[in-house]
Amino acid sequence: WKRRVGVKAVLALSSYTQPFIVHGTLEGLAVPVMFQGGTHDFGITPAIEKAQGAYDQSPEPKYLVVIDKAGHLAWTDLGRAVFRKPIVDYSVAFLNRYVKGQPAEPLLSQPGLGISLFRHPSMP
């Protein structure tokens, strides 16, 4: 990975990461990353959250937010409205911290309502 000028963070919304996992290139990320997935996003989220998956291979600071019952289309206009709040809340908190340089909101250190799995290196 080459660091792109002006890129301060990566917000990976239900992202296909398998090629990066296989080639071991995630360790080259030079900016903070937040992976978001869903418990019903069967083709994407397991590769992110598994042992030595995308989250494990990425350097810190990194976050993993798995939304309960969210499928792959939750991050589109076709997704159910119930998923929008956690998607937006975690995305905005992450971008405020790493793009705007604001202090970290409590949401970046704990799971909120509707979150099945939340991982961050500072958590035990």
C-alpha atoms as a PDB file:
ATOM      1  CA  TRP A   1       0.000   0.000   0.000  1.00  0.00           C
ATOM      2  CA  LYS A   2       1.176   3.470  -0.772  1.00  0.00           C
ATOM      3  CA  ARG A   3      -0.207   6.207   1.385  1.00  0.00           C
ATOM      4  CA  ARG A   4      -2.377   8.474  -0.704  1.00  0.00           C
ATOM      5  CA  VAL A   5      -1.942  12.178  -0.109  1.00  0.00           C
ATOM      6  CA  GLY A   6      -4.952  13.523   1.746  1.00  0.00           C
ATOM      7  CA  VAL A   7      -6.315  10.148   2.896  1.00  0.00           C
ATOM      8  CA  LYS A   8      -6.669  10.254   6.669  1.00  0.00           C
ATOM      9  CA  ALA A   9      -8.825   7.203   7.363  1.00  0.00           C
ATOM     10  CA  VAL A  10     -10.546   4.202   5.766  1.00  0.00           C
ATOM     11  CA  LEU A  11     -14.209   3.509   6.489  1.00  0.00           C
ATOM     12  CA  ALA A  12     -14.777   0.014   5.073  1.00  0.00           C
ATOM     13  CA  LEU A  13     -18.529  -0.563   4.832  1.00  0.00           C
ATOM     14  CA  SER A  14     -19.312  -4.237   4.237  1.00  0.00           C
ATOM     15  CA  SER A  15     -16.120  -4.418   2.211  1.00  0.00           C
ATOM     16  CA  TYR A  16     -14.787  -7.380   0.236  1.00  0.00           C
ATOM     17  CA  THR A  17     -11.387  -7.987   1.817  1.00  0.00           C
ATOM     18  CA  GLN A  18     -10.489 -11.540   0.765  1.00  0.00           C
ATOM     19  CA  PRO A  19      -7.797 -10.577  -1.809  1.00  0.00           C
ATOM     20  CA  PHE A  20      -6.043  -8.369   0.757  1.00  0.00           C
ATOM     21  CA  ILE A  21      -6.180 -11.154   3.353  1.00  0.00           C
ATOM     22  CA  VAL A  22      -4.772 -13.757   0.944  1.00  0.00           C
ATOM     23  CA  HIS A  23      -1.932 -11.482  -0.199  1.00  0.00           C
ATOM     24  CA  GLY A  24      -1.208 -10.140   3.310  1.00  0.00           C
ATOM     25  CA  THR A  25      -1.338  -6.524   2.217  1.00  0.00           C
ATOM     26  CA  LEU A  26      -3.511  -5.071   4.998  1.00  0.00           C
ATOM     27  CA  GLU A  27      -0.516  -4.686   7.285  1.00  0.00           C
ATOM     28  CA  GLY A  28       0.572  -1.861   4.976  1.00  0.00           C
ATOM     29  CA  LEU A  29      -2.400   0.345   5.863  1.00  0.00           C
ATOM     30  CA  ALA A  30      -0.982   3.673   6.937  1.00  0.00           C
ATOM     31  CA  VAL A  31      -4.204   5.208   8.271  1.00  0.00           C
ATOM     32  CA  PRO A  32      -6.855   4.226  10.835  1.00  0.00           C
ATOM     33  CA  VAL A  33      -9.514   1.797   9.595  1.00  0.00           C
ATOM     34  CA  MET A  34     -13.049   0.946  10.664  1.00  0.00           C
ATOM     35  CA  PHE A  35     -14.609  -2.216   9.281  1.00  0.00           C
ATOM     36  CA  GLN A  36     -18.384  -2.479   9.427  1.00  0.00           C
ATOM     37  CA  GLY A  37     -20.312  -5.649   8.724  1.00  0.00           C
ATOM     38  CA  GLY A  38     -23.468  -7.478   9.714  1.00  0.00           C
ATOM     39  CA  THR A  39     -24.385 -10.808  11.225  1.00  0.00           C
ATOM     40  CA  HIS A  40     -26.414 -11.561   8.064  1.00  0.00           C
ATOM     41  CA  ASP A  41     -23.682 -10.334   5.693  1.00  0.00           C
ATOM     42  CA  PHE A  42     -22.621 -13.941   5.112  1.00  0.00           C
ATOM     43  CA  GLY A  43     -20.311 -13.377   2.143  1.00  0.00           C
ATOM     44  CA  ILE A  44     -18.333 -10.483   3.647  1.00  0.00           C
ATOM     45  CA  THR A  45     -18.274 -10.203   7.449  1.00  0.00           C
ATOM     46  CA  PRO A  46     -16.813 -13.655   8.269  1.00  0.00           C
ATOM     47  CA  ALA A  47     -13.608 -12.818   6.351  1.00  0.00           C
ATOM     48  CA  ILE A  48     -13.238  -9.604   8.323  1.00  0.00           C
ATOM     49  CA  GLU A  49     -13.858 -10.980  11.814  1.00  0.00           C
ATOM     50  CA  LYS A  50     -12.238 -14.444  11.620  1.00  0.00           C
ATOM     51  CA  ALA A  51      -8.871 -15.191  13.205  1.00  0.00           C
ATOM     52  CA  GLN A  52      -6.192 -13.716  10.926  1.00  0.00           C
ATOM     53  CA  GLY A  53      -8.944 -12.018   8.918  1.00  0.00           C
ATOM     54  CA  ALA A  54      -8.966  -8.420   7.743  1.00  0.00           C
ATOM     55  CA  TYR A  55      -9.349  -6.948  11.227  1.00  0.00           C
ATOM     56  CA  ASP A  56      -6.538  -9.037  12.723  1.00  0.00           C
ATOM     57  CA  GLN A  57      -4.181  -8.271   9.812  1.00  0.00           C
ATOM     58  CA  SER A  58      -4.738  -4.498   9.959  1.00  0.00           C
ATOM     59  CA  PRO A  59      -2.487  -2.256  12.041  1.00  0.00           C
ATOM     60  CA  GLU A  60      -3.803  -0.031  14.821  1.00  0.00           C
ATOM     61  CA  PRO A  61      -5.819   2.087  15.178  1.00  0.00           C
ATOM     62  CA  LYS A  62      -8.560  -0.217  13.951  1.00  0.00           C
ATOM     63  CA  TYR A  63     -12.182  -0.936  14.733  1.00  0.00           C
ATOM     64  CA  LEU A  64     -14.692  -3.652  13.913  1.00  0.00           C
ATOM     65  CA  VAL A  65     -18.418  -3.000  14.203  1.00  0.00           C
ATOM     66  CA  VAL A  66     -20.804  -5.876  13.424  1.00  0.00           C
ATOM     67  CA  ILE A  67     -24.455  -4.868  13.341  1.00  0.00           C
ATOM     68  CA  ASP A  68     -26.957  -7.458  14.519  1.00  0.00           C
ATOM     69  CA  LYS A  69     -29.128  -8.898  11.697  1.00  0.00           C
ATOM     70  CA  ALA A  70     -27.691  -6.528   9.051  1.00  0.00           C
ATOM     71  CA  GLY A  71     -27.188  -8.041   5.596  1.00  0.00           C
ATOM     72  CA  HIS A  72     -24.989  -6.798   2.774  1.00  0.00           C
ATOM     73  CA  LEU A  73     -27.587  -4.310   1.492  1.00  0.00           C
ATOM     74  CA  ALA A  74     -27.862  -2.556   4.868  1.00  0.00           C
ATOM     75  CA  TRP A  75     -25.275  -0.044   3.620  1.00  0.00           C
ATOM     76  CA  THR A  76     -27.367   0.912   0.583  1.00  0.00           C
ATOM     77  CA  ASP A  77     -30.614   2.771   0.033  1.00  0.00           C
ATOM     78  CA  LEU A  78     -32.248  -0.671  -0.246  1.00  0.00           C
ATOM     79  CA  GLY A  79     -31.333  -1.542   3.350  1.00  0.00           C
ATOM     80  CA  ARG A  80     -33.798  -1.397   6.196  1.00  0.00           C
ATOM     81  CA  ALA A  81     -33.966   1.923   8.030  1.00  0.00           C
ATOM     82  CA  VAL A  82     -33.358   0.213  11.391  1.00  0.00           C
ATOM     83  CA  PHE A  83     -29.687  -0.242  10.454  1.00  0.00           C
ATOM     84  CA  ARG A  84     -29.028   3.368   9.443  1.00  0.00           C
ATOM     85  CA  LYS A  85     -28.591   4.770  12.943  1.00  0.00           C
ATOM     86  CA  PRO A  86     -25.741   2.494  14.047  1.00  0.00           C
ATOM     87  CA  ILE A  87     -24.096   2.749  10.621  1.00  0.00           C
ATOM     88  CA  VAL A  88     -24.207   6.536  10.684  1.00  0.00           C
ATOM     89  CA  ASP A  89     -23.393   6.916  14.383  1.00  0.00           C
ATOM     90  CA  TYR A  90     -20.239   4.772  14.242  1.00  0.00           C
ATOM     91  CA  SER A  91     -19.168   6.215  10.882  1.00  0.00           C
ATOM     92  CA  VAL A  92     -19.511   9.818  12.049  1.00  0.00           C
ATOM     93  CA  ALA A  93     -17.737   9.125  15.365  1.00  0.00           C
ATOM     94  CA  PHE A  94     -14.844   7.475  13.501  1.00  0.00           C
ATOM     95  CA  LEU A  95     -14.550  10.209  10.866  1.00  0.00           C
ATOM     96  CA  ASN A  96     -14.832  12.993  13.444  1.00  0.00           C
ATOM     97  CA  ARG A  97     -11.935  11.446  15.349  1.00  0.00           C
ATOM     98  CA  TYR A  98      -9.585  10.613  12.502  1.00  0.00           C
ATOM     99  CA  VAL A  99     -10.478  13.092   9.760  1.00  0.00           C
ATOM    100  CA  LYS A 100     -11.503  16.120  11.808  1.00  0.00           C
ATOM    101  CA  GLY A 101      -9.133  15.379  14.713  1.00  0.00           C
ATOM    102  CA  GLN A 102     -11.828  15.691  17.374  1.00  0.00           C
ATOM    103  CA  PRO A 103     -11.593  13.849  20.699  1.00  0.00           C
ATOM    104  CA  ALA A 104     -12.814  10.250  20.587  1.00  0.00           C
ATOM    105  CA  GLU A 105     -16.474   9.836  21.416  1.00  0.00           C
ATOM    106  CA  PRO A 106     -17.474   7.103  23.918  1.00  0.00           C
ATOM    107  CA  LEU A 107     -19.028   5.197  21.016  1.00  0.00           C
ATOM    108  CA  LEU A 108     -15.499   4.401  19.774  1.00  0.00           C
ATOM    109  CA  SER A 109     -14.726   2.447  22.929  1.00  0.00           C
ATOM    110  CA  GLN A 110     -17.882   0.426  23.513  1.00  0.00           C
ATOM    111  CA  PRO A 111     -20.644  -1.409  21.712  1.00  0.00           C
ATOM    112  CA  GLY A 112     -23.932   0.403  21.357  1.00  0.00           C
ATOM    113  CA  LEU A 113     -27.489  -0.750  20.883  1.00  0.00           C
ATOM    114  CA  GLY A 114     -27.894  -3.223  18.020  1.00  0.00           C
ATOM    115  CA  ILE A 115     -24.190  -4.092  17.844  1.00  0.00           C
ATOM    116  CA  SER A 116     -23.434  -7.808  17.874  1.00  0.00           C
ATOM    117  CA  LEU A 117     -19.635  -7.474  17.964  1.00  0.00           C
ATOM    118  CA  PHE A 118     -17.375  -4.506  18.640  1.00  0.00           C
ATOM    119  CA  ARG A 119     -13.594  -4.794  18.587  1.00  0.00           C
ATOM    120  CA  HIS A 120     -10.907  -2.219  19.197  1.00  0.00           C
ATOM    121  CA  PRO A 121      -7.359  -2.873  20.464  1.00  0.00           C
ATOM    122  CA  SER A 122      -7.983  -0.916  23.667  1.00  0.00           C
ATOM    123  CA  MET A 123     -10.718  -3.366  24.682  1.00  0.00           C
ATOM    124  CA  PRO A 124      -9.752  -6.406  26.797  1.00  0.00           C
END
